[in-house]
Amino acid sequence: MTDAVPVRVLIVDDEAPARSILREMLSDRDGVSIVGECANGFEAVKAAAELAPDVVFLDVEMPKLDGFEVRELIDPSIAVVFVTAYDSYALRAFEVHAVDYVLKPFRAERLGDALDRARARRGQPPPPPDAATALAAAARPAGTYLSRIVVREGTRVHVVPVDRLDFAEAQDDAVQLKTGGRKLRKAGTIGSLADGLDPGRFVRIHRSYVLNIDRLARLELYAKGSYVAILSDGTRLPVSREGHARLKALLGTEAGA
């Protein structure tokens, strides 16, 4: 007995044979509507926004954006089933709230089980906001720092190498990234972002700001015990007492007395 409303499925894999097998096996099951197929992560983010699938069968290792970055960027209410040839990603997959993790080569029965789990998830509330902000951390291999930050604006995806990040500013439930002449808004907290960045290169100078120390031109005394960071482009950012202590620890006495 299947639901009257078909489960809307989006298939994402950079290998055409894998997409073909998934399409064939899933289409054979009752109550399934294949709404689209994508060959890379950029296409997947765009299609997920436009087609509103109930579930995405999502490969992990893909060019441009990997499966975990796609999971971070799409609507958290969409159920995700990771499909991959590697079992090493399983723990990380469930940390980002995947409903299942299916290894290649596919078996029809196994895909059916995953589809049933996704169907059961339909209509349930998405993970809480505090869990969503941890997606990037869970998707990153243990013991590593972010090398790039992905940001979605509508159906468009921006990939920001951390080398190009000037600073980040907390804005309510989001973070504004300043990179060159652009400002990009990303869902999440400043603390979560700071935790993912290399502490030898990025400093939490204020509760609302994380600074790339390569952009720091100088510190100026603003008032007794208060400093302002002057960036190489002239931008002025507040520095808290705790932030000043972190700068001193990283840069030495040149950070001010």
Protein backbone atom coordinates (compact mmCIF):
# COMPACT_ATOMS: atom_id res chain seq x y z
CA MET A 1 0.00 0.00 0.00
CA THR A 2 1.58 3.30 -1.09
CA ASP A 3 0.67 6.88 -0.39
CA ALA A 4 -1.78 8.44 -2.82
CA VAL A 5 0.69 11.25 -3.50
CA PRO A 6 3.82 9.98 -5.29
CA VAL A 7 7.20 10.52 -3.69
CA ARG A 8 9.07 13.09 -5.75
CA VAL A 9 12.65 11.91 -6.34
CA LEU A 10 15.70 13.79 -7.59
CA ILE A 11 18.71 11.70 -8.69
CA VAL A 12 22.21 13.20 -8.41
CA ASP A 13 25.32 11.35 -9.60
CA ASP A 14 28.16 12.42 -11.87
CA GLU A 15 28.23 8.98 -13.56
CA ALA A 16 25.56 8.43 -16.20
CA PRO A 17 25.40 4.62 -15.70
CA ALA A 18 24.71 5.10 -11.98
CA ARG A 19 21.91 7.58 -12.74
CA SER A 20 20.44 5.13 -15.24
CA ILE A 21 20.45 2.27 -12.73
CA LEU A 22 18.89 4.43 -10.03
CA ARG A 23 16.23 5.68 -12.43
CA GLU A 24 15.35 2.16 -13.55
CA MET A 25 15.23 0.63 -10.08
CA LEU A 26 13.31 3.48 -8.47
CA SER A 27 10.86 3.84 -11.35
CA ASP A 28 9.88 0.19 -10.97
CA ARG A 29 8.45 0.92 -7.54
CA ASP A 30 4.89 2.13 -7.00
CA GLY A 31 4.27 5.68 -5.87
CA VAL A 32 7.51 7.17 -7.23
CA SER A 33 7.88 10.17 -9.53
CA ILE A 34 11.38 10.91 -10.86
CA VAL A 35 11.31 14.70 -11.16
CA GLY A 36 14.88 15.25 -12.34
CA GLU A 37 18.47 14.07 -12.73
CA CYS A 38 21.70 16.00 -12.15
CA ALA A 39 25.33 15.30 -12.99
CA ASN A 40 26.99 17.66 -10.49
CA GLY A 41 26.42 19.55 -7.27
CA PHE A 42 25.64 22.93 -8.85
CA GLU A 43 22.86 21.38 -10.92
CA ALA A 44 21.59 19.59 -7.82
CA VAL A 45 21.24 22.74 -5.72
CA LYS A 46 19.41 24.52 -8.54
CA ALA A 47 17.12 21.56 -9.23
CA ALA A 48 16.31 21.04 -5.55
CA ALA A 49 15.20 24.68 -5.28
CA GLU A 50 13.15 24.60 -8.47
CA LEU A 51 11.64 21.10 -8.36
CA ALA A 52 11.02 20.73 -4.60
CA PRO A 53 11.65 16.97 -4.40
CA ASP A 54 10.72 14.94 -1.34
CA VAL A 55 13.96 12.99 -1.48
CA VAL A 56 17.34 13.29 -3.19
CA PHE A 57 19.40 10.22 -3.98
CA LEU A 58 22.77 11.90 -3.73
CA ASP A 59 26.28 10.74 -4.65
CA VAL A 60 29.13 11.87 -2.36
CA GLU A 61 32.19 12.26 -4.56
CA MET A 62 31.34 14.65 -7.39
CA PRO A 63 33.09 17.52 -9.16
CA LYS A 64 32.41 21.17 -8.29
CA LEU A 65 30.39 20.47 -5.14
CA ASP A 66 30.47 17.21 -3.21
CA GLY A 67 27.40 15.57 -1.74
CA PHE A 68 27.91 17.01 1.73
CA GLU A 69 28.12 20.55 0.37
CA VAL A 70 24.91 19.92 -1.57
CA ARG A 71 23.22 18.68 1.63
CA GLU A 72 24.31 21.87 3.37
CA LEU A 73 22.82 24.10 0.66
CA ILE A 74 19.45 22.50 -0.05
CA ASP A 75 16.26 22.80 1.98
CA PRO A 76 16.75 20.80 5.20
CA SER A 77 13.21 19.42 4.90
CA ILE A 78 14.27 17.42 1.82
CA ALA A 79 15.18 13.85 2.76
CA VAL A 80 18.61 12.74 1.54
CA VAL A 81 19.78 9.22 0.73
CA PHE A 82 23.51 9.11 0.06
CA VAL A 83 24.50 6.67 -2.67
CA THR A 84 28.22 5.95 -2.97
CA ALA A 85 30.85 3.30 -3.60
CA TYR A 86 32.64 4.17 -0.34
CA ASP A 87 31.63 3.13 3.17
CA SER A 88 34.00 5.64 4.82
CA TYR A 89 31.43 8.45 4.67
CA ALA A 90 28.66 6.66 6.55
CA LEU A 91 29.13 8.31 9.96
CA ARG A 92 29.33 11.78 8.44
CA ALA A 93 26.22 11.06 6.36
CA PHE A 94 24.07 10.42 9.43
CA GLU A 95 25.56 13.43 11.21
CA VAL A 96 24.04 15.57 8.46
CA HIS A 97 20.66 13.87 9.01
CA ALA A 98 20.66 11.58 5.98
CA VAL A 99 17.76 9.11 6.08
CA ASP A 100 19.91 6.33 4.62
CA TYR A 101 23.28 5.44 3.10
CA VAL A 102 23.32 2.98 0.22
CA LEU A 103 26.50 1.44 -1.19
CA LYS A 104 27.15 0.74 -4.85
CA PRO A 105 26.55 -1.61 -6.61
CA PHE A 106 22.88 -1.01 -5.98
CA ARG A 107 20.36 -3.69 -5.08
CA ALA A 108 16.71 -3.01 -5.79
CA GLU A 109 15.62 -4.23 -2.35
CA ARG A 110 18.12 -1.98 -0.59
CA LEU A 111 17.03 1.07 -2.58
CA GLY A 112 13.44 0.19 -1.77
CA ASP A 113 14.22 0.21 1.95
CA ALA A 114 15.86 3.62 1.59
CA LEU A 115 12.87 4.93 -0.32
CA ASP A 116 10.51 3.69 2.41
CA ARG A 117 12.57 5.53 5.04
CA ALA A 118 12.44 8.69 2.96
CA ARG A 119 8.69 8.32 2.49
CA ALA A 120 8.27 8.00 6.24
CA ARG A 121 10.26 11.22 6.73
CA ARG A 122 7.94 13.16 4.39
CA GLY A 123 5.88 15.73 6.23
CA GLN A 124 8.01 15.65 9.35
CA PRO A 125 9.62 18.89 10.53
CA PRO A 126 13.22 19.53 9.41
CA PRO A 127 16.10 19.30 11.89
CA PRO A 128 16.21 22.21 14.37
CA PRO A 129 18.19 25.33 13.36
CA ASP A 130 21.04 24.58 15.76
CA ALA A 131 21.49 21.20 14.08
CA ALA A 132 21.46 22.78 10.63
CA THR A 133 24.32 25.11 11.54
CA ALA A 134 26.46 22.05 12.30
CA LEU A 135 26.11 20.58 8.82
CA ALA A 136 29.33 22.03 7.49
CA ALA A 137 31.28 20.83 10.53
CA ALA A 138 29.89 17.31 10.28
CA ALA A 139 30.58 17.19 6.55
CA ARG A 140 34.23 18.18 6.99
CA PRO A 141 36.72 15.34 7.55
CA ALA A 142 37.89 15.15 11.16
CA GLY A 143 41.01 17.14 11.97
CA THR A 144 40.75 19.45 8.98
CA TYR A 145 39.74 23.08 8.48
CA LEU A 146 37.56 24.65 5.84
CA SER A 147 39.30 25.30 2.54
CA ARG A 148 36.22 26.94 1.00
CA ILE A 149 32.78 28.15 2.00
CA VAL A 150 29.69 27.49 -0.11
CA VAL A 151 26.82 29.97 -0.18
CA ARG A 152 23.45 29.68 -1.92
CA GLU A 153 21.56 32.71 -3.23
CA GLY A 154 18.31 31.46 -4.68
CA THR A 155 19.36 28.87 -7.26
CA ARG A 156 22.87 30.30 -7.58
CA VAL A 157 25.85 28.90 -5.67
CA HIS A 158 28.98 30.84 -4.72
CA VAL A 159 32.17 29.03 -3.75
CA VAL A 160 34.48 31.21 -1.64
CA PRO A 161 38.04 29.94 -1.02
CA VAL A 162 38.94 30.86 2.56
CA ASP A 163 42.05 32.64 1.25
CA ARG A 164 39.69 35.22 -0.27
CA LEU A 165 37.62 35.75 2.86
CA ASP A 166 38.38 39.16 4.38
CA PHE A 167 36.12 38.87 7.40
CA ALA A 168 32.78 37.51 8.54
CA GLU A 169 30.10 39.39 10.47
CA ALA A 170 27.26 37.89 12.52
CA GLN A 171 23.78 39.01 11.42
CA ASP A 172 20.96 37.49 13.49
CA ASP A 173 20.67 33.85 12.35
CA ALA A 174 23.12 34.30 9.48
CA VAL A 175 26.69 35.32 8.70
CA GLN A 176 27.75 37.94 6.18
CA LEU A 177 30.96 37.10 4.37
CA LYS A 178 33.10 39.91 2.98
CA THR A 179 35.25 38.70 0.11
CA GLY A 180 36.86 41.24 -2.18
CA GLY A 181 34.15 43.64 -3.28
CA ARG A 182 31.28 41.25 -2.48
CA LYS A 183 29.15 40.57 0.55
CA LEU A 184 27.43 37.19 0.74
CA ARG A 185 24.89 36.10 3.34
CA LYS A 186 25.02 32.52 4.61
CA ALA A 187 22.73 30.80 7.10
CA GLY A 188 24.46 29.76 10.30
CA THR A 189 26.24 31.23 13.30
CA ILE A 190 29.53 33.09 13.56
CA GLY A 191 30.67 30.58 16.17
CA SER A 192 30.08 27.61 13.89
CA LEU A 193 31.98 29.31 11.09
CA ALA A 194 34.86 30.27 13.39
CA ASP A 195 35.15 26.68 14.60
CA GLY A 196 35.69 25.52 11.03
CA LEU A 197 38.43 28.02 10.17
CA ASP A 198 42.15 27.61 10.81
CA PRO A 199 42.85 29.45 14.11
CA GLY A 200 46.34 30.24 12.86
CA ARG A 201 44.83 32.40 10.12
CA PHE A 202 41.43 33.56 11.39
CA VAL A 203 40.72 35.27 14.70
CA ARG A 204 37.43 35.94 16.52
CA ILE A 205 38.21 39.58 17.26
CA HIS A 206 34.70 40.35 18.55
CA ARG A 207 31.58 38.37 19.29
CA SER A 208 30.26 39.54 15.92
CA TYR A 209 33.42 39.37 13.79
CA VAL A 210 35.96 36.84 12.54
CA LEU A 211 38.99 38.36 10.78
CA ASN A 212 41.46 36.96 8.28
CA ILE A 213 44.69 38.19 9.90
CA ASP A 214 46.29 38.62 6.47
CA ARG A 215 43.89 41.55 5.98
CA LEU A 216 44.92 43.34 9.18
CA ALA A 217 46.93 46.50 8.50
CA ARG A 218 47.10 47.82 12.06
CA LEU A 219 45.32 48.23 15.38
CA GLU A 220 44.33 51.62 16.73
CA LEU A 221 43.51 52.47 20.31
CA TYR A 222 39.90 53.68 20.31
CA ALA A 223 39.41 54.27 24.02
CA LYS A 224 40.98 52.99 27.18
CA GLY A 225 41.24 49.23 26.70
CA SER A 226 39.35 49.36 23.39
CA TYR A 227 40.84 48.84 19.95
CA VAL A 228 39.76 49.05 16.32
CA ALA A 229 41.19 46.80 13.61
CA ILE A 230 42.08 48.69 10.44
CA LEU A 231 42.07 46.43 7.40
CA SER A 232 44.21 46.87 4.31
CA ASP A 233 41.18 48.26 2.42
CA GLY A 234 40.44 50.78 5.18
CA THR A 235 37.56 48.86 6.77
CA ARG A 236 37.33 49.43 10.53
CA LEU A 237 36.17 46.58 12.80
CA PRO A 238 35.69 46.62 16.57
CA VAL A 239 38.01 44.51 18.70
CA SER A 240 36.80 43.26 22.08
CA ARG A 241 39.06 42.66 25.06
CA GLU A 242 38.91 38.93 24.40
CA GLY A 243 39.59 39.50 20.72
CA HIS A 244 42.57 41.69 21.52
CA ALA A 245 43.97 38.95 23.76
CA ARG A 246 43.58 36.43 20.93
CA LEU A 247 45.37 38.76 18.51
CA LYS A 248 48.21 39.28 21.00
CA ALA A 249 48.57 35.53 21.47
CA LEU A 250 48.70 34.94 17.73
CA LEU A 251 50.74 37.94 16.59
CA GLY A 252 52.80 38.74 19.67
CA THR A 253 53.32 42.12 21.34
CA GLU A 254 52.91 43.93 18.02
CA ALA A 255 49.16 43.56 18.52
CA GLY A 256 49.28 46.29 21.13
CA ALA A 257 50.01 46.65 24.80
